[in-house]
């Protein structure tokens, strides 16, 4: 048996960009991705603190140190520029093994480590 556990969390990211006419995904600053242990195209859950929306999408690498957190495609309808979001990733594991999640708490409003 396997269980799904939190692998990483980016707290208090602020949406900086939305692009409706795009295939879909969330663009995340490469430095933030590395700090959280996220891989390109990895599935993530995005929880919008400003409006309560939740969505599942995948990660696209944004320019390093740009601070970009961008909702693309249909995900762009789930948030506005300036909304605060948490970005969560999960892993499958045997219940006998523990995972120590990487939690990246961004400086509020700055999208910086």
PDB file of N, CA and C in Angstrom:
ATOM      1  N   UNK A   1       0.840  -1.174   0.000  1.00  0.00           N
ATOM      2  CA  UNK A   1       0.000   0.000   0.000  1.00  0.00           C
ATOM      3  C   UNK A   1       0.889   1.243   0.000  1.00  0.00           C
ATOM      4  N   UNK A   2       0.446   2.275  -0.700  1.00  0.00           N
ATOM      5  CA  UNK A   2       1.121   3.561  -0.710  1.00  0.00           C
ATOM      6  C   UNK A   2       0.149   4.643  -0.268  1.00  0.00           C
ATOM      7  N   UNK A   3       0.712   5.695   0.290  1.00  0.00           N
ATOM      8  CA  UNK A   3      -0.097   6.850   0.671  1.00  0.00           C
ATOM      9  C   UNK A   3       0.452   8.087  -0.049  1.00  0.00           C
ATOM     10  N   UNK A   4      -0.383   9.085  -0.188  1.00  0.00           N
ATOM     11  CA  UNK A   4       0.017  10.347  -0.802  1.00  0.00           C
ATOM     12  C   UNK A   4       0.304  11.345   0.309  1.00  0.00           C
ATOM     13  N   UNK A   5       1.505  11.935   0.277  1.00  0.00           N
ATOM     14  CA  UNK A   5       1.910  12.874   1.315  1.00  0.00           C
ATOM     15  C   UNK A   5       2.425  14.165   0.665  1.00  0.00           C
ATOM     16  N   UNK A   6       2.439  15.235   1.451  1.00  0.00           N
ATOM     17  CA  UNK A   6       2.963  16.502   0.973  1.00  0.00           C
ATOM     18  C   UNK A   6       4.463  16.381   0.721  1.00  0.00           C
ATOM     19  N   UNK A   7       4.893  16.760  -0.482  1.00  0.00           N
ATOM     20  CA  UNK A   7       6.316  16.749  -0.837  1.00  0.00           C
ATOM     21  C   UNK A   7       6.915  18.137  -0.687  1.00  0.00           C
ATOM     22  N   UNK A   8       6.173  19.142  -1.152  1.00  0.00           N
ATOM     23  CA  UNK A   8       6.667  20.506  -1.034  1.00  0.00           C
ATOM     24  C   UNK A   8       5.509  21.498  -1.053  1.00  0.00           C
ATOM     25  N   UNK A   9       5.794  22.684  -0.497  1.00  0.00           N
ATOM     26  CA  UNK A   9       4.784  23.737  -0.435  1.00  0.00           C
ATOM     27  C   UNK A   9       5.482  25.081  -0.599  1.00  0.00           C
ATOM     28  N   UNK A  10       4.936  25.894  -1.480  1.00  0.00           N
ATOM     29  CA  UNK A  10       5.368  27.284  -1.616  1.00  0.00           C
ATOM     30  C   UNK A  10       4.248  28.113  -1.009  1.00  0.00           C
ATOM     31  N   UNK A  11       4.566  28.818   0.059  1.00  0.00           N
ATOM     32  CA  UNK A  11       3.555  29.589   0.789  1.00  0.00           C
ATOM     33  C   UNK A  11       3.582  31.055   0.392  1.00  0.00           C
ATOM     34  N   UNK A  12       2.413  31.622   0.270  1.00  0.00           N
ATOM     35  CA  UNK A  12       2.214  33.059   0.056  1.00  0.00           C
ATOM     36  C   UNK A  12       2.884  33.590  -1.203  1.00  0.00           C
ATOM     37  N   UNK A  13       2.786  32.810  -2.287  1.00  0.00           N
ATOM     38  CA  UNK A  13       3.223  33.321  -3.586  1.00  0.00           C
ATOM     39  C   UNK A  13       2.148  34.274  -4.090  1.00  0.00           C
ATOM     40  N   UNK A  14       2.564  35.322  -4.734  1.00  0.00           N
ATOM     41  CA  UNK A  14       1.621  36.302  -5.275  1.00  0.00           C
ATOM     42  C   UNK A  14       1.587  36.144  -6.798  1.00  0.00           C
ATOM     43  N   UNK A  15       0.374  36.022  -7.359  1.00  0.00           N
ATOM     44  CA  UNK A  15       0.231  35.916  -8.805  1.00  0.00           C
ATOM     45  C   UNK A  15       0.718  37.214  -9.439  1.00  0.00           C
ATOM     46  N   UNK A  16       1.662  37.073 -10.375  1.00  0.00           N
ATOM     47  CA  UNK A  16       2.232  38.243 -11.048  1.00  0.00           C
ATOM     48  C   UNK A  16       1.817  38.350 -12.507  1.00  0.00           C
ATOM     49  N   UNK A  17       1.227  37.270 -13.041  1.00  0.00           N
ATOM     50  CA  UNK A  17       0.959  37.222 -14.477  1.00  0.00           C
ATOM     51  C   UNK A  17      -0.174  36.237 -14.735  1.00  0.00           C
ATOM     52  N   UNK A  18      -1.025  36.555 -15.683  1.00  0.00           N
ATOM     53  CA  UNK A  18      -2.010  35.590 -16.173  1.00  0.00           C
ATOM     54  C   UNK A  18      -1.998  35.646 -17.696  1.00  0.00           C
ATOM     55  N   UNK A  19      -2.162  34.495 -18.327  1.00  0.00           N
ATOM     56  CA  UNK A  19      -2.172  34.398 -19.788  1.00  0.00           C
ATOM     57  C   UNK A  19      -3.223  33.377 -20.190  1.00  0.00           C
ATOM     58  N   UNK A  20      -4.417  33.861 -20.507  1.00  0.00           N
ATOM     59  CA  UNK A  20      -5.540  32.972 -20.817  1.00  0.00           C
ATOM     60  C   UNK A  20      -5.277  32.127 -22.060  1.00  0.00           C
ATOM     61  N   UNK A  21      -4.772  32.718 -23.104  1.00  0.00           N
ATOM     62  CA  UNK A  21      -4.605  31.996 -24.369  1.00  0.00           C
ATOM     63  C   UNK A  21      -3.244  31.313 -24.430  1.00  0.00           C
ATOM     64  N   UNK A  22      -3.154  30.277 -23.621  1.00  0.00           N
ATOM     65  CA  UNK A  22      -1.941  29.478 -23.485  1.00  0.00           C
ATOM     66  C   UNK A  22      -2.401  28.062 -23.203  1.00  0.00           C
ATOM     67  N   UNK A  23      -1.550  27.072 -23.446  1.00  0.00           N
ATOM     68  CA  UNK A  23      -1.951  25.677 -23.280  1.00  0.00           C
ATOM     69  C   UNK A  23      -2.371  25.327 -21.865  1.00  0.00           C
ATOM     70  N   UNK A  24      -1.842  25.989 -20.898  1.00  0.00           N
ATOM     71  CA  UNK A  24      -2.184  25.697 -19.511  1.00  0.00           C
ATOM     72  C   UNK A  24      -0.962  25.492 -18.663  1.00  0.00           C
ATOM     73  N   UNK A  25      -1.082  25.689 -17.386  1.00  0.00           N
ATOM     74  CA  UNK A  25      -0.007  25.454 -16.426  1.00  0.00           C
ATOM     75  C   UNK A  25       0.172  26.634 -15.494  1.00  0.00           C
ATOM     76  N   UNK A  26       1.194  26.526 -14.637  1.00  0.00           N
ATOM     77  CA  UNK A  26       1.623  27.632 -13.790  1.00  0.00           C
ATOM     78  C   UNK A  26       3.116  27.838 -14.028  1.00  0.00           C
ATOM     79  N   UNK A  27       3.504  29.071 -14.297  1.00  0.00           N
ATOM     80  CA  UNK A  27       4.906  29.417 -14.464  1.00  0.00           C
ATOM     81  C   UNK A  27       5.444  29.850 -13.108  1.00  0.00           C
ATOM     82  N   UNK A  28       6.567  29.255 -12.704  1.00  0.00           N
ATOM     83  CA  UNK A  28       7.180  29.563 -11.407  1.00  0.00           C
ATOM     84  C   UNK A  28       8.654  29.903 -11.618  1.00  0.00           C
ATOM     85  N   UNK A  29       9.099  30.971 -10.982  1.00  0.00           N
ATOM     86  CA  UNK A  29      10.505  31.380 -10.977  1.00  0.00           C
ATOM     87  C   UNK A  29      11.377  30.149 -10.696  1.00  0.00           C
ATOM     88  N   UNK A  30      12.402  29.942 -11.517  1.00  0.00           N
ATOM     89  CA  UNK A  30      13.264  28.764 -11.405  1.00  0.00           C
ATOM     90  C   UNK A  30      13.925  28.645 -10.035  1.00  0.00           C
ATOM     91  N   UNK A  31      14.317  29.761  -9.433  1.00  0.00           N
ATOM     92  CA  UNK A  31      14.952  29.712  -8.106  1.00  0.00           C
ATOM     93  C   UNK A  31      13.967  29.224  -7.047  1.00  0.00           C
ATOM     94  N   UNK A  32      12.714  29.626  -7.164  1.00  0.00           N
ATOM     95  CA  UNK A  32      11.679  29.168  -6.230  1.00  0.00           C
ATOM     96  C   UNK A  32      11.403  27.685  -6.447  1.00  0.00           C
ATOM     97  N   UNK A  33      11.354  27.267  -7.728  1.00  0.00           N
ATOM     98  CA  UNK A  33      11.159  25.842  -8.027  1.00  0.00           C
ATOM     99  C   UNK A  33      12.251  25.003  -7.375  1.00  0.00           C
ATOM    100  N   UNK A  34      13.496  25.406  -7.530  1.00  0.00           N
ATOM    101  CA  UNK A  34      14.614  24.648  -6.962  1.00  0.00           C
ATOM    102  C   UNK A  34      14.523  24.580  -5.442  1.00  0.00           C
ATOM    103  N   UNK A  35      14.179  25.691  -4.816  1.00  0.00           N
ATOM    104  CA  UNK A  35      14.069  25.709  -3.349  1.00  0.00           C
ATOM    105  C   UNK A  35      12.994  24.740  -2.864  1.00  0.00           C
ATOM    106  N   UNK A  36      11.933  24.593  -3.657  1.00  0.00           N
ATOM    107  CA  UNK A  36      10.830  23.707  -3.282  1.00  0.00           C
ATOM    108  C   UNK A  36      11.020  22.279  -3.797  1.00  0.00           C
ATOM    109  N   UNK A  37      12.052  22.048  -4.585  1.00  0.00           N
ATOM    110  CA  UNK A  37      12.284  20.715  -5.136  1.00  0.00           C
ATOM    111  C   UNK A  37      11.296  20.345  -6.226  1.00  0.00           C
ATOM    112  N   UNK A  38      10.800  21.329  -6.974  1.00  0.00           N
ATOM    113  CA  UNK A  38       9.853  21.071  -8.058  1.00  0.00           C
ATOM    114  C   UNK A  38      10.578  20.873  -9.381  1.00  0.00           C
ATOM    115  N   UNK A  39      10.069  19.961 -10.186  1.00  0.00           N
ATOM    116  CA  UNK A  39      10.616  19.681 -11.504  1.00  0.00           C
ATOM    117  C   UNK A  39       9.716  20.289 -12.583  1.00  0.00           C
ATOM    118  N   UNK A  40      10.284  20.643 -13.742  1.00  0.00           N
ATOM    119  CA  UNK A  40       9.430  21.088 -14.845  1.00  0.00           C
ATOM    120  C   UNK A  40       8.388  20.016 -15.176  1.00  0.00           C
ATOM    121  N   UNK A  41       7.185  20.446 -15.407  1.00  0.00           N
ATOM    122  CA  UNK A  41       6.034  19.609 -15.773  1.00  0.00           C
ATOM    123  C   UNK A  41       5.499  18.762 -14.621  1.00  0.00           C
ATOM    124  N   UNK A  42       6.007  18.975 -13.416  1.00  0.00           N
ATOM    125  CA  UNK A  42       5.486  18.266 -12.243  1.00  0.00           C
ATOM    126  C   UNK A  42       4.078  18.759 -11.913  1.00  0.00           C
ATOM    127  N   UNK A  43       3.226  17.841 -11.522  1.00  0.00           N
ATOM    128  CA  UNK A  43       1.865  18.208 -11.118  1.00  0.00           C
ATOM    129  C   UNK A  43       1.885  18.955  -9.797  1.00  0.00           C
ATOM    130  N   UNK A  44       1.091  20.020  -9.717  1.00  0.00           N
ATOM    131  CA  UNK A  44       0.934  20.779  -8.485  1.00  0.00           C
ATOM    132  C   UNK A  44      -0.531  21.135  -8.284  1.00  0.00           C
ATOM    133  N   UNK A  45      -0.865  21.392  -7.033  1.00  0.00           N
ATOM    134  CA  UNK A  45      -2.171  21.933  -6.674  1.00  0.00           C
ATOM    135  C   UNK A  45      -1.942  23.388  -6.301  1.00  0.00           C
ATOM    136  N   UNK A  46      -2.796  24.258  -6.788  1.00  0.00           N
ATOM    137  CA  UNK A  46      -2.699  25.683  -6.476  1.00  0.00           C
ATOM    138  C   UNK A  46      -3.944  26.056  -5.691  1.00  0.00           C
ATOM    139  N   UNK A  47      -3.741  26.629  -4.515  1.00  0.00           N
ATOM    140  CA  UNK A  47      -4.830  27.020  -3.628  1.00  0.00           C
ATOM    141  C   UNK A  47      -4.796  28.541  -3.519  1.00  0.00           C
ATOM    142  N   UNK A  48      -5.871  29.188  -3.954  1.00  0.00           N
ATOM    143  CA  UNK A  48      -5.929  30.648  -3.970  1.00  0.00           C
ATOM    144  C   UNK A  48      -6.527  31.143  -2.661  1.00  0.00           C
ATOM    145  N   UNK A  49      -5.716  31.833  -1.857  1.00  0.00           N
ATOM    146  CA  UNK A  49      -6.189  32.353  -0.574  1.00  0.00           C
ATOM    147  C   UNK A  49      -7.150  33.516  -0.750  1.00  0.00           C
ATOM    148  N   UNK A  50      -7.072  34.202  -1.878  1.00  0.00           N
ATOM    149  CA  UNK A  50      -7.885  35.398  -2.091  1.00  0.00           C
ATOM    150  C   UNK A  50      -9.327  35.081  -2.463  1.00  0.00           C
ATOM    151  N   UNK A  51      -9.550  33.940  -3.158  1.00  0.00           N
ATOM    152  CA  UNK A  51     -10.920  33.638  -3.588  1.00  0.00           C
ATOM    153  C   UNK A  51     -11.375  32.209  -3.303  1.00  0.00           C
ATOM    154  N   UNK A  52     -10.510  31.390  -2.704  1.00  0.00           N
ATOM    155  CA  UNK A  52     -10.883  30.021  -2.342  1.00  0.00           C
ATOM    156  C   UNK A  52     -10.798  29.008  -3.466  1.00  0.00           C
ATOM    157  N   UNK A  53     -10.416  29.417  -4.666  1.00  0.00           N
ATOM    158  CA  UNK A  53     -10.311  28.484  -5.792  1.00  0.00           C
ATOM    159  C   UNK A  53      -9.153  27.517  -5.575  1.00  0.00           C
ATOM    160  N   UNK A  54      -9.340  26.305  -6.105  1.00  0.00           N
ATOM    161  CA  UNK A  54      -8.286  25.287  -6.098  1.00  0.00           C
ATOM    162  C   UNK A  54      -8.181  24.744  -7.507  1.00  0.00           C
ATOM    163  N   UNK A  55      -6.965  24.420  -7.931  1.00  0.00           N
ATOM    164  CA  UNK A  55      -6.802  23.827  -9.251  1.00  0.00           C
ATOM    165  C   UNK A  55      -5.599  22.911  -9.258  1.00  0.00           C
ATOM    166  N   UNK A  56      -5.604  21.984 -10.198  1.00  0.00           N
ATOM    167  CA  UNK A  56      -4.492  21.074 -10.415  1.00  0.00           C
ATOM    168  C   UNK A  56      -3.930  21.384 -11.790  1.00  0.00           C
ATOM    169  N   UNK A  57      -2.622  21.559 -11.871  1.00  0.00           N
ATOM    170  CA  UNK A  57      -1.970  21.861 -13.137  1.00  0.00           C
ATOM    171  C   UNK A  57      -0.539  21.350 -13.085  1.00  0.00           C
ATOM    172  N   UNK A  58       0.314  21.830 -13.987  1.00  0.00           N
ATOM    173  CA  UNK A  58       1.712  21.415 -13.989  1.00  0.00           C
ATOM    174  C   UNK A  58       2.606  22.648 -14.072  1.00  0.00           C
ATOM    175  N   UNK A  59       3.863  22.461 -13.695  1.00  0.00           N
ATOM    176  CA  UNK A  59       4.812  23.567 -13.572  1.00  0.00           C
ATOM    177  C   UNK A  59       5.574  23.794 -14.877  1.00  0.00           C
ATOM    178  N   UNK A  60       5.727  25.066 -15.231  1.00  0.00           N
ATOM    179  CA  UNK A  60       6.628  25.499 -16.300  1.00  0.00           C
ATOM    180  C   UNK A  60       7.667  26.410 -15.654  1.00  0.00           C
ATOM    181  N   UNK A  61       8.909  26.234 -16.043  1.00  0.00           N
ATOM    182  CA  UNK A  61      10.004  27.014 -15.469  1.00  0.00           C
ATOM    183  C   UNK A  61       9.977  28.453 -15.963  1.00  0.00           C
ATOM    184  N   UNK A  62       9.980  29.381 -14.994  1.00  0.00           N
ATOM    185  CA  UNK A  62      10.070  30.805 -15.302  1.00  0.00           C
ATOM    186  C   UNK A  62      11.489  31.301 -15.130  1.00  0.00           C
ATOM    187  N   UNK A  63      11.747  32.491 -15.607  1.00  0.00           N
ATOM    188  CA  UNK A  63      13.089  33.072 -15.523  1.00  0.00           C
ATOM    189  C   UNK A  63      13.561  33.133 -14.068  1.00  0.00           C
ATOM    190  N   UNK A  64      14.822  32.739 -13.864  1.00  0.00           N
ATOM    191  CA  UNK A  64      15.422  32.715 -12.522  1.00  0.00           C
ATOM    192  C   UNK A  64      15.434  34.125 -11.928  1.00  0.00           C
ATOM    193  N   UNK A  65      15.014  34.200 -10.668  1.00  0.00           N
ATOM    194  CA  UNK A  65      14.997  35.441  -9.878  1.00  0.00           C
ATOM    195  C   UNK A  65      14.064  36.512 -10.442  1.00  0.00           C
ATOM    196  N   UNK A  66      13.117  36.098 -11.280  1.00  0.00           N
ATOM    197  CA  UNK A  66      12.144  37.048 -11.835  1.00  0.00           C
ATOM    198  C   UNK A  66      10.980  37.287 -10.883  1.00  0.00           C
ATOM    199  N   UNK A  67      10.753  36.331  -9.972  1.00  0.00           N
ATOM    200  CA  UNK A  67       9.607  36.417  -9.069  1.00  0.00           C
ATOM    201  C   UNK A  67       8.293  36.028  -9.725  1.00  0.00           C
ATOM    202  N   UNK A  68       8.348  35.523 -10.967  1.00  0.00           N
ATOM    203  CA  UNK A  68       7.106  35.221 -11.681  1.00  0.00           C
ATOM    204  C   UNK A  68       6.360  34.042 -11.058  1.00  0.00           C
ATOM    205  N   UNK A  69       5.073  34.245 -10.875  1.00  0.00           N
ATOM    206  CA  UNK A  69       4.104  33.198 -10.563  1.00  0.00           C
ATOM    207  C   UNK A  69       2.952  33.491 -11.519  1.00  0.00           C
ATOM    208  N   UNK A  70       2.860  32.716 -12.591  1.00  0.00           N
ATOM    209  CA  UNK A  70       1.883  33.026 -13.632  1.00  0.00           C
ATOM    210  C   UNK A  70       0.901  31.903 -13.872  1.00  0.00           C
ATOM    211  N   UNK A  71      -0.374  32.237 -13.869  1.00  0.00           N
ATOM    212  CA  UNK A  71      -1.415  31.261 -14.211  1.00  0.00           C
ATOM    213  C   UNK A  71      -1.672  31.351 -15.709  1.00  0.00           C
ATOM    214  N   UNK A  72      -1.614  30.196 -16.377  1.00  0.00           N
ATOM    215  CA  UNK A  72      -1.743  30.133 -17.828  1.00  0.00           C
ATOM    216  C   UNK A  72      -2.922  29.279 -18.248  1.00  0.00           C
ATOM    217  N   UNK A  73      -3.473  29.581 -19.418  1.00  0.00           N
ATOM    218  CA  UNK A  73      -4.586  28.816 -19.958  1.00  0.00           C
ATOM    219  C   UNK A  73      -5.799  28.945 -19.064  1.00  0.00           C
ATOM    220  N   UNK A  74      -6.634  27.913 -19.004  1.00  0.00           N
ATOM    221  CA  UNK A  74      -7.835  27.986 -18.177  1.00  0.00           C
ATOM    222  C   UNK A  74      -7.556  28.321 -16.715  1.00  0.00           C
ATOM    223  N   UNK A  75      -6.364  27.976 -16.213  1.00  0.00           N
ATOM    224  CA  UNK A  75      -6.003  28.308 -14.826  1.00  0.00           C
ATOM    225  C   UNK A  75      -6.037  29.816 -14.596  1.00  0.00           C
ATOM    226  N   UNK A  76      -5.839  30.598 -15.658  1.00  0.00           N
ATOM    227  CA  UNK A  76      -5.846  32.061 -15.534  1.00  0.00           C
ATOM    228  C   UNK A  76      -7.203  32.579 -15.058  1.00  0.00           C
ATOM    229  N   UNK A  77      -8.248  31.781 -15.208  1.00  0.00           N
ATOM    230  CA  UNK A  77      -9.577  32.174 -14.734  1.00  0.00           C
ATOM    231  C   UNK A  77      -9.742  31.956 -13.226  1.00  0.00           C
ATOM    232  N   UNK A  78      -8.772  31.292 -12.605  1.00  0.00           N
ATOM    233  CA  UNK A  78      -8.873  30.934 -11.187  1.00  0.00           C
ATOM    234  C   UNK A  78      -8.199  31.934 -10.256  1.00  0.00           C
ATOM    235  N   UNK A  79      -7.595  32.979 -10.820  1.00  0.00           N
ATOM    236  CA  UNK A  79      -6.943  33.964  -9.976  1.00  0.00           C
ATOM    237  C   UNK A  79      -6.648  35.243 -10.729  1.00  0.00           C
ATOM    238  N   UNK A  80      -6.413  36.278  -9.970  1.00  0.00           N
ATOM    239  CA  UNK A  80      -6.090  37.592 -10.514  1.00  0.00           C
ATOM    240  C   UNK A  80      -4.688  37.990 -10.096  1.00  0.00           C
ATOM    241  N   UNK A  81      -4.057  38.846 -10.873  1.00  0.00           N
ATOM    242  CA  UNK A  81      -2.766  39.386 -10.481  1.00  0.00           C
ATOM    243  C   UNK A  81      -2.920  40.017  -9.100  1.00  0.00           C
ATOM    244  N   UNK A  82      -2.011  39.665  -8.203  1.00  0.00           N
ATOM    245  CA  UNK A  82      -2.049  40.163  -6.830  1.00  0.00           C
ATOM    246  C   UNK A  82      -2.632  39.182  -5.833  1.00  0.00           C
ATOM    247  N   UNK A  83      -3.338  38.139  -6.311  1.00  0.00           N
ATOM    248  CA  UNK A  83      -3.874  37.125  -5.397  1.00  0.00           C
ATOM    249  C   UNK A  83      -2.730  36.338  -4.754  1.00  0.00           C
ATOM    250  N   UNK A  84      -2.903  35.977  -3.481  1.00  0.00           N
ATOM    251  CA  UNK A  84      -1.961  35.110  -2.781  1.00  0.00           C
ATOM    252  C   UNK A  84      -2.371  33.662  -2.984  1.00  0.00           C
ATOM    253  N   UNK A  85      -1.385  32.794  -3.275  1.00  0.00           N
ATOM    254  CA  UNK A  85      -1.647  31.375  -3.475  1.00  0.00           C
ATOM    255  C   UNK A  85      -0.625  30.537  -2.714  1.00  0.00           C
ATOM    256  N   UNK A  86      -1.019  29.310  -2.403  1.00  0.00           N
ATOM    257  CA  UNK A  86      -0.098  28.285  -1.942  1.00  0.00           C
ATOM    258  C   UNK A  86       0.005  27.289  -3.093  1.00  0.00           C
ATOM    259  N   UNK A  87       1.208  26.791  -3.341  1.00  0.00           N
ATOM    260  CA  UNK A  87       1.454  25.815  -4.401  1.00  0.00           C
ATOM    261  C   UNK A  87       1.969  24.549  -3.727  1.00  0.00           C
ATOM    262  N   UNK A  88       1.261  23.442  -3.927  1.00  0.00           N
ATOM    263  CA  UNK A  88       1.539  22.193  -3.216  1.00  0.00           C
ATOM    264  C   UNK A  88       1.883  21.076  -4.189  1.00  0.00           C
ATOM    265  N   UNK A  89       2.871  20.262  -3.837  1.00  0.00           N
ATOM    266  CA  UNK A  89       3.147  19.051  -4.607  1.00  0.00           C
ATOM    267  C   UNK A  89       3.114  17.869  -3.645  1.00  0.00           C
ATOM    268  N   UNK A  90       2.816  16.717  -4.198  1.00  0.00           N
ATOM    269  CA  UNK A  90       2.640  15.511  -3.394  1.00  0.00           C
ATOM    270  C   UNK A  90       3.496  14.386  -3.946  1.00  0.00           C
ATOM    271  N   UNK A  91       3.750  13.383  -3.123  1.00  0.00           N
ATOM    272  CA  UNK A  91       4.498  12.191  -3.531  1.00  0.00           C
ATOM    273  C   UNK A  91       3.808  10.955  -2.977  1.00  0.00           C
ATOM    274  N   UNK A  92       4.016   9.850  -3.666  1.00  0.00           N
ATOM    275  CA  UNK A  92       3.520   8.554  -3.203  1.00  0.00           C
ATOM    276  C   UNK A  92       4.637   7.880  -2.421  1.00  0.00           C
ATOM    277  N   UNK A  93       4.292   7.305  -1.271  1.00  0.00           N
ATOM    278  CA  UNK A  93       5.307   6.630  -0.463  1.00  0.00           C
ATOM    279  C   UNK A  93       4.673   5.483   0.313  1.00  0.00           C
ATOM    280  N   UNK A  94       5.524   4.619   0.746  1.00  0.00           N
ATOM    281  CA  UNK A  94       5.113   3.560   1.651  1.00  0.00           C
ATOM    282  C   UNK A  94       4.852   4.209   3.012  1.00  0.00           C
ATOM    283  N   UNK A  95       3.780   3.837   3.708  1.00  0.00           N
ATOM    284  CA  UNK A  95       3.492   4.481   4.987  1.00  0.00           C
ATOM    285  C   UNK A  95       4.592   4.305   6.038  1.00  0.00           C
ATOM    286  N   UNK A  96       5.478   3.339   5.834  1.00  0.00           N
ATOM    287  CA  UNK A  96       6.567   3.114   6.788  1.00  0.00           C
ATOM    288  C   UNK A  96       7.712   4.120   6.612  1.00  0.00           C
ATOM    289  N   UNK A  97       7.714   4.819   5.481  1.00  0.00           N
ATOM    290  CA  UNK A  97       8.769   5.800   5.203  1.00  0.00           C
ATOM    291  C   UNK A  97       8.185   7.200   5.338  1.00  0.00           C
ATOM    292  N   UNK A  98       8.924   8.046   5.991  1.00  0.00           N
ATOM    293  CA  UNK A  98       8.441   9.421   6.144  1.00  0.00           C
ATOM    294  C   UNK A  98       9.123  10.324   5.123  1.00  0.00           C
ATOM    295  N   UNK A  99       8.426  11.353   4.740  1.00  0.00           N
ATOM    296  CA  UNK A  99       8.964  12.380   3.852  1.00  0.00           C
ATOM    297  C   UNK A  99       8.937  13.685   4.629  1.00  0.00           C
ATOM    298  N   UNK A 100      10.056  14.373   4.614  1.00  0.00           N
ATOM    299  CA  UNK A 100      10.133  15.679   5.259  1.00  0.00           C
ATOM    300  C   UNK A 100       9.851  16.725   4.178  1.00  0.00           C
ATOM    301  N   UNK A 101       8.650  17.285   4.157  1.00  0.00           N
ATOM    302  CA  UNK A 101       8.308  18.214   3.075  1.00  0.00           C
ATOM    303  C   UNK A 101       9.188  19.456   3.089  1.00  0.00           C
ATOM    304  N   UNK A 102       9.475  19.949   1.882  1.00  0.00           N
ATOM    305  CA  UNK A 102      10.182  21.219   1.751  1.00  0.00           C
ATOM    306  C   UNK A 102       9.117  22.312   1.747  1.00  0.00           C
ATOM    307  N   UNK A 103       9.213  23.217   2.705  1.00  0.00           N
ATOM    308  CA  UNK A 103       8.265  24.332   2.776  1.00  0.00           C
ATOM    309  C   UNK A 103       9.038  25.613   2.505  1.00  0.00           C
ATOM    310  N   UNK A 104       8.644  26.301   1.456  1.00  0.00           N
ATOM    311  CA  UNK A 104       9.289  27.548   1.065  1.00  0.00           C
ATOM    312  C   UNK A 104       8.318  28.676   1.386  1.00  0.00           C
ATOM    313  N   UNK A 105       8.656  29.467   2.377  1.00  0.00           N
ATOM    314  CA  UNK A 105       7.821  30.604   2.768  1.00  0.00           C
ATOM    315  C   UNK A 105       8.390  31.849   2.096  1.00  0.00           C
ATOM    316  N   UNK A 106       7.678  32.345   1.090  1.00  0.00           N
ATOM    317  CA  UNK A 106       8.149  33.527   0.380  1.00  0.00           C
ATOM    318  C   UNK A 106       7.891  34.779   1.209  1.00  0.00           C
ATOM    319  N   UNK A 107       8.713  35.789   0.989  1.00  0.00           N
ATOM    320  CA  UNK A 107       8.488  37.075   1.631  1.00  0.00           C
ATOM    321  C   UNK A 107       7.188  37.620   1.062  1.00  0.00           C
ATOM    322  N   UNK A 108       6.223  37.881   1.915  1.00  0.00           N
ATOM    323  CA  UNK A 108       4.881  38.260   1.484  1.00  0.00           C
ATOM    324  C   UNK A 108       4.913  39.423   0.511  1.00  0.00           C
ATOM    325  N   UNK A 109       4.288  39.191  -0.643  1.00  0.00           N
ATOM    326  CA  UNK A 109       4.152  40.217  -1.651  1.00  0.00           C
ATOM    327  C   UNK A 109       5.354  40.400  -2.557  1.00  0.00           C
ATOM    328  N   UNK A 110       6.462  39.666  -2.299  1.00  0.00           N
ATOM    329  CA  UNK A 110       7.681  39.889  -3.074  1.00  0.00           C
ATOM    330  C   UNK A 110       8.057  38.721  -3.972  1.00  0.00           C
ATOM    331  N   UNK A 111       7.532  37.514  -3.714  1.00  0.00           N
ATOM    332  CA  UNK A 111       7.913  36.301  -4.440  1.00  0.00           C
ATOM    333  C   UNK A 111       9.422  36.116  -4.439  1.00  0.00           C
ATOM    334  N   UNK A 112      10.022  36.354  -3.288  1.00  0.00           N
ATOM    335  CA  UNK A 112      11.457  36.161  -3.120  1.00  0.00           C
ATOM    336  C   UNK A 112      11.696  35.238  -1.935  1.00  0.00           C
ATOM    337  N   UNK A 113      12.805  34.510  -2.013  1.00  0.00           N
ATOM    338  CA  UNK A 113      13.154  33.573  -0.948  1.00  0.00           C
ATOM    339  C   UNK A 113      13.666  34.299   0.266  1.00  0.00           C
TER     340      UNK A 113
END
